Amino acid sequence: MPDTKKEIVCLGGGVGTSQVLKGLRSENQLSLTAIVSMADDGGSAGRLRRAFAIPPPGDLINCLTALSEEESILKDLFLYRFSGDRYGKDTDIRGQKLGNLIFLALTDMYKGDANQALEEFSKIISIRGKVLPATMDNVNIWAKTKDNKKVYGEENIDLGKYGSKSSSLKEVHLDPPNAKAYPLAIEAIVKSHLLVAGPGDLFSTVLPVLLVQKITKSIKASSSKKILIINIANKPFETNGFKVSDYLTTLKNQLGEGFFDKIVINVNQKPKLPSGLKYNYVVYDKGNLRNYKEQIVEVDLVDTKFPIYHDPQKIAKTIISLMP
């Protein structure tokens, strides 16, 4: 019998993409692929990248685990983080995630072949789908703030190390700008029925995937339906004070007009956000979005247990309803 599964490709990485994958994982009619950023140079993954010259494994491991069918303690083991400072010395085991260390060990076992390490890790954790890097080049990012200060590196962008705490970013760029796309990632985009960008950190997670030149061109050329999922809340730094219109203006400026067919916006802002994290709900400024009226999908997506996140089941239901 022919394979009639619908191909969904999720672009981004981090917690946002993991929540999407968790929700979609149990849908047997879907074939899932995640394409994740390789620009991470901070935290425990960045430390391994510097110390051992491997691709940053953090987003790869998070998405692999989200797709895993493993129901034993093994899944929790891969996500286990040793106590200590995530931003400590590069070769220090404290603050490291065990899954990252296993990826490092597999890469070493296969004589530096990170592609083979990723394939073997996928077998170990029994995933339903694929997780692919956007590029295997040694890529970094730099950004510019709204007051025209340049910020280099994913860690500095993520932690807001760019002067004024009230400032936010307006653009981000890859270094090198011509990083080569991972061939299997392009193949997945070409075969896809649906492309999903976000949710996730706009400048440090989502755009670093979409800005890989061949990925940008492949998405634009694709006849697949393209969905953008807007974040529920803004982090204190890179998107400080962003409204929905700011997300869309940024993406238009960086990617061009008409990149997405549908824009999914959470409209449930009743749950109280964790005060210690200093997150704020993304303001849905409907009056500034008249040009996007036909594209906008309003829906309750919030995870009431931890409201800065999207609920996996709610987001899966919405994505399936938008399938072509």
C-alpha atoms as a PDB file:
ATOM      1  CA  MET A   1       0.000   0.000   0.000  1.00  0.00           C
ATOM      2  CA  PRO A   2       1.310   3.517  -0.746  1.00  0.00           C
ATOM      3  CA  ASP A   3       2.371   5.712   2.166  1.00  0.00           C
ATOM      4  CA  THR A   4      -0.388   8.291   2.568  1.00  0.00           C
ATOM      5  CA  LYS A   5       0.987  10.014   5.650  1.00  0.00           C
ATOM      6  CA  LYS A   6       1.075  13.811   5.644  1.00  0.00           C
ATOM      7  CA  GLU A   7       4.578  15.241   5.968  1.00  0.00           C
ATOM      8  CA  ILE A   8       4.914  18.016   8.570  1.00  0.00           C
ATOM      9  CA  VAL A   9       8.193  19.892   8.975  1.00  0.00           C
ATOM     10  CA  CYS A  10       8.723  21.974  12.139  1.00  0.00           C
ATOM     11  CA  LEU A  11      11.323  24.731  11.930  1.00  0.00           C
ATOM     12  CA  GLY A  12      12.993  26.152  15.032  1.00  0.00           C
ATOM     13  CA  GLY A  13      14.142  24.147  18.036  1.00  0.00           C
ATOM     14  CA  GLY A  14      14.068  24.568  21.788  1.00  0.00           C
ATOM     15  CA  VAL A  15      11.032  24.251  24.038  1.00  0.00           C
ATOM     16  CA  GLY A  16       8.564  25.689  21.507  1.00  0.00           C
ATOM     17  CA  THR A  17       9.273  23.117  18.816  1.00  0.00           C
ATOM     18  CA  SER A  18       9.419  20.368  21.451  1.00  0.00           C
ATOM     19  CA  GLN A  19       5.875  21.237  22.580  1.00  0.00           C
ATOM     20  CA  VAL A  20       4.642  21.010  18.980  1.00  0.00           C
ATOM     21  CA  LEU A  21       6.334  17.632  18.472  1.00  0.00           C
ATOM     22  CA  LYS A  22       4.961  16.232  21.743  1.00  0.00           C
ATOM     23  CA  GLY A  23       1.453  17.081  20.648  1.00  0.00           C
ATOM     24  CA  LEU A  24       1.776  15.692  17.127  1.00  0.00           C
ATOM     25  CA  ARG A  25       3.783  12.571  18.017  1.00  0.00           C
ATOM     26  CA  SER A  26       0.768  10.332  18.650  1.00  0.00           C
ATOM     27  CA  GLU A  27      -0.950  11.183  15.351  1.00  0.00           C
ATOM     28  CA  ASN A  28      -0.380   8.082  13.218  1.00  0.00           C
ATOM     29  CA  GLN A  29      -1.388   9.787   9.967  1.00  0.00           C
ATOM     30  CA  LEU A  30       1.533  12.219  10.238  1.00  0.00           C
ATOM     31  CA  SER A  31       5.225  11.942   9.394  1.00  0.00           C
ATOM     32  CA  LEU A  32       7.205  14.445  11.455  1.00  0.00           C
ATOM     33  CA  THR A  33      10.531  16.165  10.860  1.00  0.00           C
ATOM     34  CA  ALA A  34      12.110  18.881  12.999  1.00  0.00           C
ATOM     35  CA  ILE A  35      14.785  21.156  11.520  1.00  0.00           C
ATOM     36  CA  VAL A  36      16.660  22.917  14.314  1.00  0.00           C
ATOM     37  CA  SER A  37      19.108  25.770  14.705  1.00  0.00           C
ATOM     38  CA  MET A  38      22.825  25.052  14.981  1.00  0.00           C
ATOM     39  CA  ALA A  39      23.749  28.549  16.191  1.00  0.00           C
ATOM     40  CA  ASP A  40      23.636  27.748  19.923  1.00  0.00           C
ATOM     41  CA  ASP A  41      26.841  28.809  21.648  1.00  0.00           C
ATOM     42  CA  GLY A  42      25.562  29.252  25.193  1.00  0.00           C
ATOM     43  CA  GLY A  43      24.825  27.093  28.213  1.00  0.00           C
ATOM     44  CA  SER A  44      25.863  23.467  28.433  1.00  0.00           C
ATOM     45  CA  ALA A  45      25.494  22.758  24.697  1.00  0.00           C
ATOM     46  CA  GLY A  46      27.682  25.721  23.797  1.00  0.00           C
ATOM     47  CA  ARG A  47      30.337  24.524  26.220  1.00  0.00           C
ATOM     48  CA  LEU A  48      30.509  21.129  24.474  1.00  0.00           C
ATOM     49  CA  ARG A  49      30.598  22.852  21.093  1.00  0.00           C
ATOM     50  CA  ARG A  50      33.658  24.875  22.095  1.00  0.00           C
ATOM     51  CA  ALA A  51      35.449  22.143  24.026  1.00  0.00           C
ATOM     52  CA  PHE A  52      35.015  19.287  21.553  1.00  0.00           C
ATOM     53  CA  ALA A  53      34.254  20.986  18.199  1.00  0.00           C
ATOM     54  CA  ILE A  54      30.900  19.242  17.751  1.00  0.00           C
ATOM     55  CA  PRO A  55      27.571  20.715  16.607  1.00  0.00           C
ATOM     56  CA  PRO A  56      25.602  22.097  19.580  1.00  0.00           C
ATOM     57  CA  PRO A  57      23.446  19.154  20.702  1.00  0.00           C
ATOM     58  CA  GLY A  58      20.921  20.938  22.938  1.00  0.00           C
ATOM     59  CA  ASP A  59      18.021  21.511  20.518  1.00  0.00           C
ATOM     60  CA  LEU A  60      18.697  18.209  18.753  1.00  0.00           C
ATOM     61  CA  ILE A  61      18.374  16.289  22.026  1.00  0.00           C
ATOM     62  CA  ASN A  62      15.273  18.216  23.165  1.00  0.00           C
ATOM     63  CA  CYS A  63      13.454  17.473  19.909  1.00  0.00           C
ATOM     64  CA  LEU A  64      14.623  13.851  19.768  1.00  0.00           C
ATOM     65  CA  THR A  65      13.272  13.319  23.268  1.00  0.00           C
ATOM     66  CA  ALA A  66       9.983  15.028  22.388  1.00  0.00           C
ATOM     67  CA  LEU A  67       9.530  12.547  19.517  1.00  0.00           C
ATOM     68  CA  SER A  68      10.536   9.512  21.551  1.00  0.00           C
ATOM     69  CA  GLU A  69       8.137   6.621  22.105  1.00  0.00           C
ATOM     70  CA  GLU A  70      10.320   5.383  24.939  1.00  0.00           C
ATOM     71  CA  GLU A  71       8.133   5.093  28.051  1.00  0.00           C
ATOM     72  CA  SER A  72      10.801   3.895  30.493  1.00  0.00           C
ATOM     73  CA  ILE A  73      13.079   5.993  32.665  1.00  0.00           C
ATOM     74  CA  LEU A  74      15.429   6.181  29.672  1.00  0.00           C
ATOM     75  CA  LYS A  75      13.729   9.308  28.295  1.00  0.00           C
ATOM     76  CA  ASP A  76      14.067  11.123  31.617  1.00  0.00           C
ATOM     77  CA  LEU A  77      17.672   9.969  31.793  1.00  0.00           C
ATOM     78  CA  PHE A  78      18.541  11.704  28.515  1.00  0.00           C
ATOM     79  CA  LEU A  79      17.064  14.958  29.846  1.00  0.00           C
ATOM     80  CA  TYR A  80      18.747  14.638  33.245  1.00  0.00           C
ATOM     81  CA  ARG A  81      20.947  17.633  34.040  1.00  0.00           C
ATOM     82  CA  PHE A  82      23.789  17.386  36.543  1.00  0.00           C
ATOM     83  CA  SER A  83      23.656  20.009  39.274  1.00  0.00           C
ATOM     84  CA  GLY A  84      25.861  23.038  38.844  1.00  0.00           C
ATOM     85  CA  ASP A  85      26.348  26.050  36.611  1.00  0.00           C
ATOM     86  CA  ARG A  86      25.230  25.589  32.986  1.00  0.00           C
ATOM     87  CA  TYR A  87      27.576  28.448  32.098  1.00  0.00           C
ATOM     88  CA  GLY A  88      30.612  27.047  33.892  1.00  0.00           C
ATOM     89  CA  LYS A  89      33.923  25.864  32.484  1.00  0.00           C
ATOM     90  CA  ASP A  90      33.679  24.264  29.059  1.00  0.00           C
ATOM     91  CA  THR A  91      35.011  20.869  30.172  1.00  0.00           C
ATOM     92  CA  ASP A  92      33.162  20.765  33.518  1.00  0.00           C
ATOM     93  CA  ILE A  93      30.494  18.055  33.841  1.00  0.00           C
ATOM     94  CA  ARG A  94      28.462  20.196  36.267  1.00  0.00           C
ATOM     95  CA  GLY A  95      25.387  21.692  34.653  1.00  0.00           C
ATOM     96  CA  GLN A  96      25.587  19.308  31.684  1.00  0.00           C
ATOM     97  CA  LYS A  97      22.640  17.359  30.306  1.00  0.00           C
ATOM     98  CA  LEU A  98      23.283  13.629  30.028  1.00  0.00           C
ATOM     99  CA  GLY A  99      21.773  13.455  26.529  1.00  0.00           C
ATOM    100  CA  ASN A 100      24.295  16.023  25.322  1.00  0.00           C
ATOM    101  CA  LEU A 101      27.135  13.926  26.721  1.00  0.00           C
ATOM    102  CA  ILE A 102      25.798  10.785  25.034  1.00  0.00           C
ATOM    103  CA  PHE A 103      25.667  12.639  21.711  1.00  0.00           C
ATOM    104  CA  LEU A 104      29.281  13.703  22.290  1.00  0.00           C
ATOM    105  CA  ALA A 105      30.272  10.092  23.039  1.00  0.00           C
ATOM    106  CA  LEU A 106      28.523   8.810  19.898  1.00  0.00           C
ATOM    107  CA  THR A 107      30.225  11.465  17.780  1.00  0.00           C
ATOM    108  CA  ASP A 108      33.589  10.388  19.193  1.00  0.00           C
ATOM    109  CA  MET A 109      32.782   6.699  18.613  1.00  0.00           C
ATOM    110  CA  TYR A 110      32.035   7.443  14.970  1.00  0.00           C
ATOM    111  CA  LYS A 111      35.274   9.420  14.546  1.00  0.00           C
ATOM    112  CA  GLY A 112      33.672  12.846  14.484  1.00  0.00           C
ATOM    113  CA  ASP A 113      30.741  11.932  12.231  1.00  0.00           C
ATOM    114  CA  ALA A 114      27.917  13.901  13.875  1.00  0.00           C
ATOM    115  CA  ASN A 115      25.470  12.718  11.196  1.00  0.00           C
ATOM    116  CA  GLN A 116      26.024   9.095  12.192  1.00  0.00           C
ATOM    117  CA  ALA A 117      25.861  10.018  15.875  1.00  0.00           C
ATOM    118  CA  LEU A 118      22.471  11.645  15.315  1.00  0.00           C
ATOM    119  CA  GLU A 119      21.203   8.594  13.455  1.00  0.00           C
ATOM    120  CA  GLU A 120      22.342   6.210  16.196  1.00  0.00           C
ATOM    121  CA  PHE A 121      20.903   8.416  18.946  1.00  0.00           C
ATOM    122  CA  SER A 122      17.565   8.334  17.121  1.00  0.00           C
ATOM    123  CA  LYS A 123      17.625   4.533  17.175  1.00  0.00           C
ATOM    124  CA  ILE A 124      18.465   4.387  20.864  1.00  0.00           C
ATOM    125  CA  ILE A 125      15.604   6.635  21.884  1.00  0.00           C
ATOM    126  CA  SER A 126      13.060   5.128  19.410  1.00  0.00           C
ATOM    127  CA  ILE A 127      11.734   8.317  17.874  1.00  0.00           C
ATOM    128  CA  ARG A 128       8.659   8.756  15.705  1.00  0.00           C
ATOM    129  CA  GLY A 129      10.056  11.060  13.070  1.00  0.00           C
ATOM    130  CA  LYS A 130      13.332  12.783  12.302  1.00  0.00           C
ATOM    131  CA  VAL A 131      15.373  15.582  13.819  1.00  0.00           C
ATOM    132  CA  LEU A 132      17.755  17.338  11.433  1.00  0.00           C
ATOM    133  CA  PRO A 133      20.199  20.235  11.741  1.00  0.00           C
ATOM    134  CA  ALA A 134      19.550  23.297   9.580  1.00  0.00           C
ATOM    135  CA  THR A 135      23.248  23.278   8.707  1.00  0.00           C
ATOM    136  CA  MET A 136      26.345  21.382   9.731  1.00  0.00           C
ATOM    137  CA  ASP A 137      28.572  24.422   9.161  1.00  0.00           C
ATOM    138  CA  ASN A 138      30.148  26.121  12.158  1.00  0.00           C
ATOM    139  CA  VAL A 139      27.523  28.857  12.241  1.00  0.00           C
ATOM    140  CA  ASN A 140      26.969  31.695  14.707  1.00  0.00           C
ATOM    141  CA  ILE A 141      24.561  34.603  14.819  1.00  0.00           C
ATOM    142  CA  TRP A 142      24.819  38.334  15.385  1.00  0.00           C
ATOM    143  CA  ALA A 143      21.984  40.768  15.934  1.00  0.00           C
ATOM    144  CA  LYS A 144      21.251  44.478  15.937  1.00  0.00           C
ATOM    145  CA  THR A 145      19.154  46.195  18.598  1.00  0.00           C
ATOM    146  CA  LYS A 146      16.511  48.818  17.894  1.00  0.00           C
ATOM    147  CA  ASP A 147      19.057  51.441  18.977  1.00  0.00           C
ATOM    148  CA  ASN A 148      21.566  49.991  16.454  1.00  0.00           C
ATOM    149  CA  LYS A 149      23.927  48.207  18.834  1.00  0.00           C
ATOM    150  CA  LYS A 150      25.472  45.001  17.479  1.00  0.00           C
ATOM    151  CA  VAL A 151      25.379  41.861  19.608  1.00  0.00           C
ATOM    152  CA  TYR A 152      27.434  38.793  18.674  1.00  0.00           C
ATOM    153  CA  GLY A 153      26.622  35.250  19.709  1.00  0.00           C
ATOM    154  CA  GLU A 154      23.498  33.308  20.654  1.00  0.00           C
ATOM    155  CA  GLU A 155      24.312  33.374  24.367  1.00  0.00           C
ATOM    156  CA  ASN A 156      24.652  37.170  24.492  1.00  0.00           C
ATOM    157  CA  ILE A 157      21.432  37.558  22.516  1.00  0.00           C
ATOM    158  CA  ASP A 158      19.545  35.063  24.681  1.00  0.00           C
ATOM    159  CA  LEU A 159      20.722  36.563  27.977  1.00  0.00           C
ATOM    160  CA  GLY A 160      20.221  40.187  26.907  1.00  0.00           C
ATOM    161  CA  LYS A 161      23.891  41.165  27.152  1.00  0.00           C
ATOM    162  CA  TYR A 162      23.531  44.281  25.038  1.00  0.00           C
ATOM    163  CA  GLY A 163      23.341  47.312  27.251  1.00  0.00           C
ATOM    164  CA  SER A 164      19.919  48.695  28.093  1.00  0.00           C
ATOM    165  CA  LYS A 165      17.605  46.108  29.618  1.00  0.00           C
ATOM    166  CA  SER A 166      14.649  47.924  28.049  1.00  0.00           C
ATOM    167  CA  SER A 167      16.046  47.492  24.553  1.00  0.00           C
ATOM    168  CA  SER A 168      14.971  44.768  22.149  1.00  0.00           C
ATOM    169  CA  LEU A 169      16.271  43.456  18.845  1.00  0.00           C
ATOM    170  CA  LYS A 170      15.245  44.337  15.303  1.00  0.00           C
ATOM    171  CA  GLU A 171      17.256  41.910  13.156  1.00  0.00           C
ATOM    172  CA  VAL A 172      19.566  38.905  13.262  1.00  0.00           C
ATOM    173  CA  HIS A 173      22.114  37.520  10.792  1.00  0.00           C
ATOM    174  CA  LEU A 174      24.073  34.313  10.287  1.00  0.00           C
ATOM    175  CA  ASP A 175      27.858  34.187  10.377  1.00  0.00           C
ATOM    176  CA  PRO A 176      28.861  33.022   7.827  1.00  0.00           C
ATOM    177  CA  PRO A 177      25.847  34.351   5.884  1.00  0.00           C
ATOM    178  CA  ASN A 178      26.231  31.631   3.238  1.00  0.00           C
ATOM    179  CA  ALA A 179      26.116  28.628   5.598  1.00  0.00           C
ATOM    180  CA  LYS A 180      25.253  25.497   3.611  1.00  0.00           C
ATOM    181  CA  ALA A 181      21.893  23.900   4.328  1.00  0.00           C
ATOM    182  CA  TYR A 182      21.880  20.291   5.497  1.00  0.00           C
ATOM    183  CA  PRO A 183      20.804  18.303   2.393  1.00  0.00           C
ATOM    184  CA  LEU A 184      18.289  16.110   4.224  1.00  0.00           C
ATOM    185  CA  ALA A 185      16.659  19.245   5.646  1.00  0.00           C
ATOM    186  CA  ILE A 186      16.081  20.573   2.129  1.00  0.00           C
ATOM    187  CA  GLU A 187      14.743  17.184   1.053  1.00  0.00           C
ATOM    188  CA  ALA A 188      12.251  17.249   3.944  1.00  0.00           C
ATOM    189  CA  ILE A 189      11.041  20.749   3.012  1.00  0.00           C
ATOM    190  CA  VAL A 190      10.575  19.747  -0.628  1.00  0.00           C
ATOM    191  CA  LYS A 191       8.523  16.658   0.371  1.00  0.00           C
ATOM    192  CA  SER A 192       6.438  18.435   3.001  1.00  0.00           C
ATOM    193  CA  HIS A 193       2.697  19.063   2.972  1.00  0.00           C
ATOM    194  CA  LEU A 194       2.862  21.512   5.876  1.00  0.00           C
ATOM    195  CA  LEU A 195       5.653  23.729   7.225  1.00  0.00           C
ATOM    196  CA  VAL A 196       5.404  25.045  10.796  1.00  0.00           C
ATOM    197  CA  ALA A 197       7.680  27.844  12.062  1.00  0.00           C
ATOM    198  CA  GLY A 198       7.789  28.538  15.786  1.00  0.00           C
ATOM    199  CA  PRO A 199       6.924  28.979  18.497  1.00  0.00           C
ATOM    200  CA  GLY A 200      10.281  29.812  20.001  1.00  0.00           C
ATOM    201  CA  ASP A 201      12.791  32.588  20.553  1.00  0.00           C
ATOM    202  CA  LEU A 202      12.407  34.685  17.417  1.00  0.00           C
ATOM    203  CA  PHE A 203      15.986  35.899  16.995  1.00  0.00           C
ATOM    204  CA  SER A 204      17.990  33.093  18.606  1.00  0.00           C
ATOM    205  CA  THR A 205      16.017  29.999  17.566  1.00  0.00           C
ATOM    206  CA  VAL A 206      13.461  30.479  14.768  1.00  0.00           C
ATOM    207  CA  LEU A 207      15.159  32.966  12.425  1.00  0.00           C
ATOM    208  CA  PRO A 208      18.552  31.169  12.545  1.00  0.00           C
ATOM    209  CA  VAL A 209      16.820  28.257  10.788  1.00  0.00           C
ATOM    210  CA  LEU A 210      14.771  30.309   8.336  1.00  0.00           C
ATOM    211  CA  LEU A 211      17.766  32.475   7.330  1.00  0.00           C
ATOM    212  CA  VAL A 212      19.908  29.619   6.007  1.00  0.00           C
ATOM    213  CA  GLN A 213      19.851  30.729   2.373  1.00  0.00           C
ATOM    214  CA  LYS A 214      18.859  27.467   0.720  1.00  0.00           C
ATOM    215  CA  ILE A 215      16.225  26.847   3.394  1.00  0.00           C
ATOM    216  CA  THR A 216      14.758  30.302   2.737  1.00  0.00           C
ATOM    217  CA  LYS A 217      14.648  29.652  -1.021  1.00  0.00           C
ATOM    218  CA  SER A 218      13.219  26.146  -0.596  1.00  0.00           C
ATOM    219  CA  ILE A 219      10.415  27.364   1.662  1.00  0.00           C
ATOM    220  CA  LYS A 220       9.525  30.183  -0.731  1.00  0.00           C
ATOM    221  CA  ALA A 221       9.512  27.768  -3.678  1.00  0.00           C
ATOM    222  CA  SER A 222       7.482  25.137  -1.839  1.00  0.00           C
ATOM    223  CA  SER A 223       3.789  24.635  -2.551  1.00  0.00           C
ATOM    224  CA  SER A 224       3.359  23.414   1.042  1.00  0.00           C
ATOM    225  CA  LYS A 225       1.072  25.267   3.390  1.00  0.00           C
ATOM    226  CA  LYS A 226       3.157  27.468   5.695  1.00  0.00           C
ATOM    227  CA  ILE A 227       2.131  28.247   9.275  1.00  0.00           C
ATOM    228  CA  LEU A 228       3.662  30.671  11.750  1.00  0.00           C
ATOM    229  CA  ILE A 229       2.902  30.159  15.446  1.00  0.00           C
ATOM    230  CA  ILE A 230       3.323  33.340  17.476  1.00  0.00           C
ATOM    231  CA  ASN A 231       4.789  33.063  20.973  1.00  0.00           C
ATOM    232  CA  ILE A 232       2.479  33.250  23.968  1.00  0.00           C
ATOM    233  CA  ALA A 233       4.818  35.475  25.970  1.00  0.00           C
ATOM    234  CA  ASN A 234       7.860  37.678  25.444  1.00  0.00           C
ATOM    235  CA  LYS A 235      11.176  37.050  27.141  1.00  0.00           C
ATOM    236  CA  PRO A 236      12.614  40.025  29.057  1.00  0.00           C
ATOM    237  CA  PHE A 237      15.304  40.636  26.452  1.00  0.00           C
ATOM    238  CA  GLU A 238      15.275  39.905  22.733  1.00  0.00           C
ATOM    239  CA  THR A 239      11.561  40.529  22.127  1.00  0.00           C
ATOM    240  CA  ASN A 240      10.964  42.834  25.070  1.00  0.00           C
ATOM    241  CA  GLY A 241       7.607  44.572  24.587  1.00  0.00           C
ATOM    242  CA  PHE A 242       6.899  42.956  21.200  1.00  0.00           C
ATOM    243  CA  LYS A 243       3.321  42.936  19.953  1.00  0.00           C
ATOM    244  CA  VAL A 244       2.110  40.443  17.341  1.00  0.00           C
ATOM    245  CA  SER A 245       2.672  43.143  14.690  1.00  0.00           C
ATOM    246  CA  ASP A 246       6.339  43.417  15.750  1.00  0.00           C
ATOM    247  CA  TYR A 247       6.857  39.698  15.135  1.00  0.00           C
ATOM    248  CA  LEU A 248       5.298  39.963  11.683  1.00  0.00           C
ATOM    249  CA  THR A 249       7.176  43.146  10.741  1.00  0.00           C
ATOM    250  CA  THR A 250      10.478  41.564  11.768  1.00  0.00           C
ATOM    251  CA  LEU A 251       9.802  38.430   9.719  1.00  0.00           C
ATOM    252  CA  LYS A 252       8.692  40.477   6.700  1.00  0.00           C
ATOM    253  CA  ASN A 253      11.843  42.621   6.876  1.00  0.00           C
ATOM    254  CA  GLN A 254      14.107  39.579   7.113  1.00  0.00           C
ATOM    255  CA  LEU A 255      12.333  37.083   4.868  1.00  0.00           C
ATOM    256  CA  GLY A 256      10.175  39.158   2.545  1.00  0.00           C
ATOM    257  CA  GLU A 257       6.432  39.443   1.924  1.00  0.00           C
ATOM    258  CA  GLY A 258       3.972  36.565   1.897  1.00  0.00           C
ATOM    259  CA  PHE A 259       6.156  34.005   3.636  1.00  0.00           C
ATOM    260  CA  PHE A 260       3.320  32.436   5.672  1.00  0.00           C
ATOM    261  CA  ASP A 261      -0.193  31.338   4.728  1.00  0.00           C
ATOM    262  CA  LYS A 262      -1.570  31.226   8.266  1.00  0.00           C
ATOM    263  CA  ILE A 263      -0.582  33.018  11.472  1.00  0.00           C
ATOM    264  CA  VAL A 264      -1.681  31.277  14.680  1.00  0.00           C
ATOM    265  CA  ILE A 265      -2.209  33.542  17.699  1.00  0.00           C
ATOM    266  CA  ASN A 266      -3.024  32.564  21.280  1.00  0.00           C
ATOM    267  CA  VAL A 267      -5.975  34.572  22.615  1.00  0.00           C
ATOM    268  CA  ASN A 268      -6.190  33.133  26.146  1.00  0.00           C
ATOM    269  CA  GLN A 269      -4.249  35.468  28.429  1.00  0.00           C
ATOM    270  CA  LYS A 270      -6.125  34.732  31.649  1.00  0.00           C
ATOM    271  CA  PRO A 271      -3.611  32.422  33.399  1.00  0.00           C
ATOM    272  CA  LYS A 272      -1.126  34.275  35.579  1.00  0.00           C
ATOM    273  CA  LEU A 273       2.434  34.139  34.251  1.00  0.00           C
ATOM    274  CA  PRO A 274       5.227  33.029  36.629  1.00  0.00           C
ATOM    275  CA  SER A 275       6.305  36.299  38.266  1.00  0.00           C
ATOM    276  CA  GLY A 276       9.904  35.282  38.834  1.00  0.00           C
ATOM    277  CA  LEU A 277      10.598  34.900  35.105  1.00  0.00           C
ATOM    278  CA  LYS A 278       9.492  38.460  34.187  1.00  0.00           C
ATOM    279  CA  TYR A 279       7.715  37.288  31.038  1.00  0.00           C
ATOM    280  CA  ASN A 280       4.752  39.233  29.625  1.00  0.00           C
ATOM    281  CA  TYR A 281       1.992  38.139  27.277  1.00  0.00           C
ATOM    282  CA  VAL A 282       2.470  39.101  23.637  1.00  0.00           C
ATOM    283  CA  VAL A 283      -0.062  41.877  22.976  1.00  0.00           C
ATOM    284  CA  TYR A 284      -2.475  40.984  20.188  1.00  0.00           C
ATOM    285  CA  ASP A 285      -2.753  44.401  18.533  1.00  0.00           C
ATOM    286  CA  LYS A 286      -5.529  43.513  16.113  1.00  0.00           C
ATOM    287  CA  GLY A 287      -5.840  47.077  14.861  1.00  0.00           C
ATOM    288  CA  ASN A 288      -2.331  46.930  13.354  1.00  0.00           C
ATOM    289  CA  LEU A 289      -2.986  43.613  11.617  1.00  0.00           C
ATOM    290  CA  ARG A 290      -5.672  44.505   9.099  1.00  0.00           C
ATOM    291  CA  ASN A 291      -3.429  43.420   6.203  1.00  0.00           C
ATOM    292  CA  TYR A 292      -3.177  39.937   7.775  1.00  0.00           C
ATOM    293  CA  LYS A 293      -6.891  39.500   8.504  1.00  0.00           C
ATOM    294  CA  GLU A 294      -7.374  36.534   6.175  1.00  0.00           C
ATOM    295  CA  GLN A 295      -4.308  34.742   7.514  1.00  0.00           C
ATOM    296  CA  ILE A 296      -4.900  35.004  11.253  1.00  0.00           C
ATOM    297  CA  VAL A 297      -6.153  32.032  13.277  1.00  0.00           C
ATOM    298  CA  GLU A 298      -7.259  32.922  16.819  1.00  0.00           C
ATOM    299  CA  VAL A 299      -7.208  30.064  19.328  1.00  0.00           C
ATOM    300  CA  ASP A 300      -6.575  29.203  22.979  1.00  0.00           C
ATOM    301  CA  LEU A 301      -3.135  27.567  23.017  1.00  0.00           C
ATOM    302  CA  VAL A 302      -1.884  28.284  26.521  1.00  0.00           C
ATOM    303  CA  ASP A 303      -0.623  25.547  28.821  1.00  0.00           C
ATOM    304  CA  THR A 304      -2.447  26.439  32.031  1.00  0.00           C
ATOM    305  CA  LYS A 305       0.110  24.542  34.147  1.00  0.00           C
ATOM    306  CA  PHE A 306       2.968  26.708  32.854  1.00  0.00           C
ATOM    307  CA  PRO A 307       1.449  29.569  30.846  1.00  0.00           C
ATOM    308  CA  ILE A 308       4.538  30.753  28.957  1.00  0.00           C
ATOM    309  CA  TYR A 309       4.354  27.466  27.005  1.00  0.00           C
ATOM    310  CA  HIS A 310       1.942  26.225  24.357  1.00  0.00           C
ATOM    311  CA  ASP A 311      -0.159  23.233  25.362  1.00  0.00           C
ATOM    312  CA  PRO A 312       0.963  20.270  23.185  1.00  0.00           C
ATOM    313  CA  GLN A 313      -2.555  18.883  22.654  1.00  0.00           C
ATOM    314  CA  LYS A 314      -4.106  22.266  21.891  1.00  0.00           C
ATOM    315  CA  ILE A 315      -1.391  23.148  19.407  1.00  0.00           C
ATOM    316  CA  ALA A 316      -1.572  19.731  17.727  1.00  0.00           C
ATOM    317  CA  LYS A 317      -5.341  20.053  17.302  1.00  0.00           C
ATOM    318  CA  THR A 318      -4.896  23.484  15.710  1.00  0.00           C
ATOM    319  CA  ILE A 319      -2.154  22.344  13.338  1.00  0.00           C
ATOM    320  CA  ILE A 320      -4.178  19.314  12.216  1.00  0.00           C
ATOM    321  CA  SER A 321      -7.187  21.568  11.555  1.00  0.00           C
ATOM    322  CA  LEU A 322      -5.004  23.603   9.195  1.00  0.00           C
ATOM    323  CA  MET A 323      -3.667  20.619   7.245  1.00  0.00           C
ATOM    324  CA  PRO A 324      -4.110  20.956   3.466  1.00  0.00           C
END
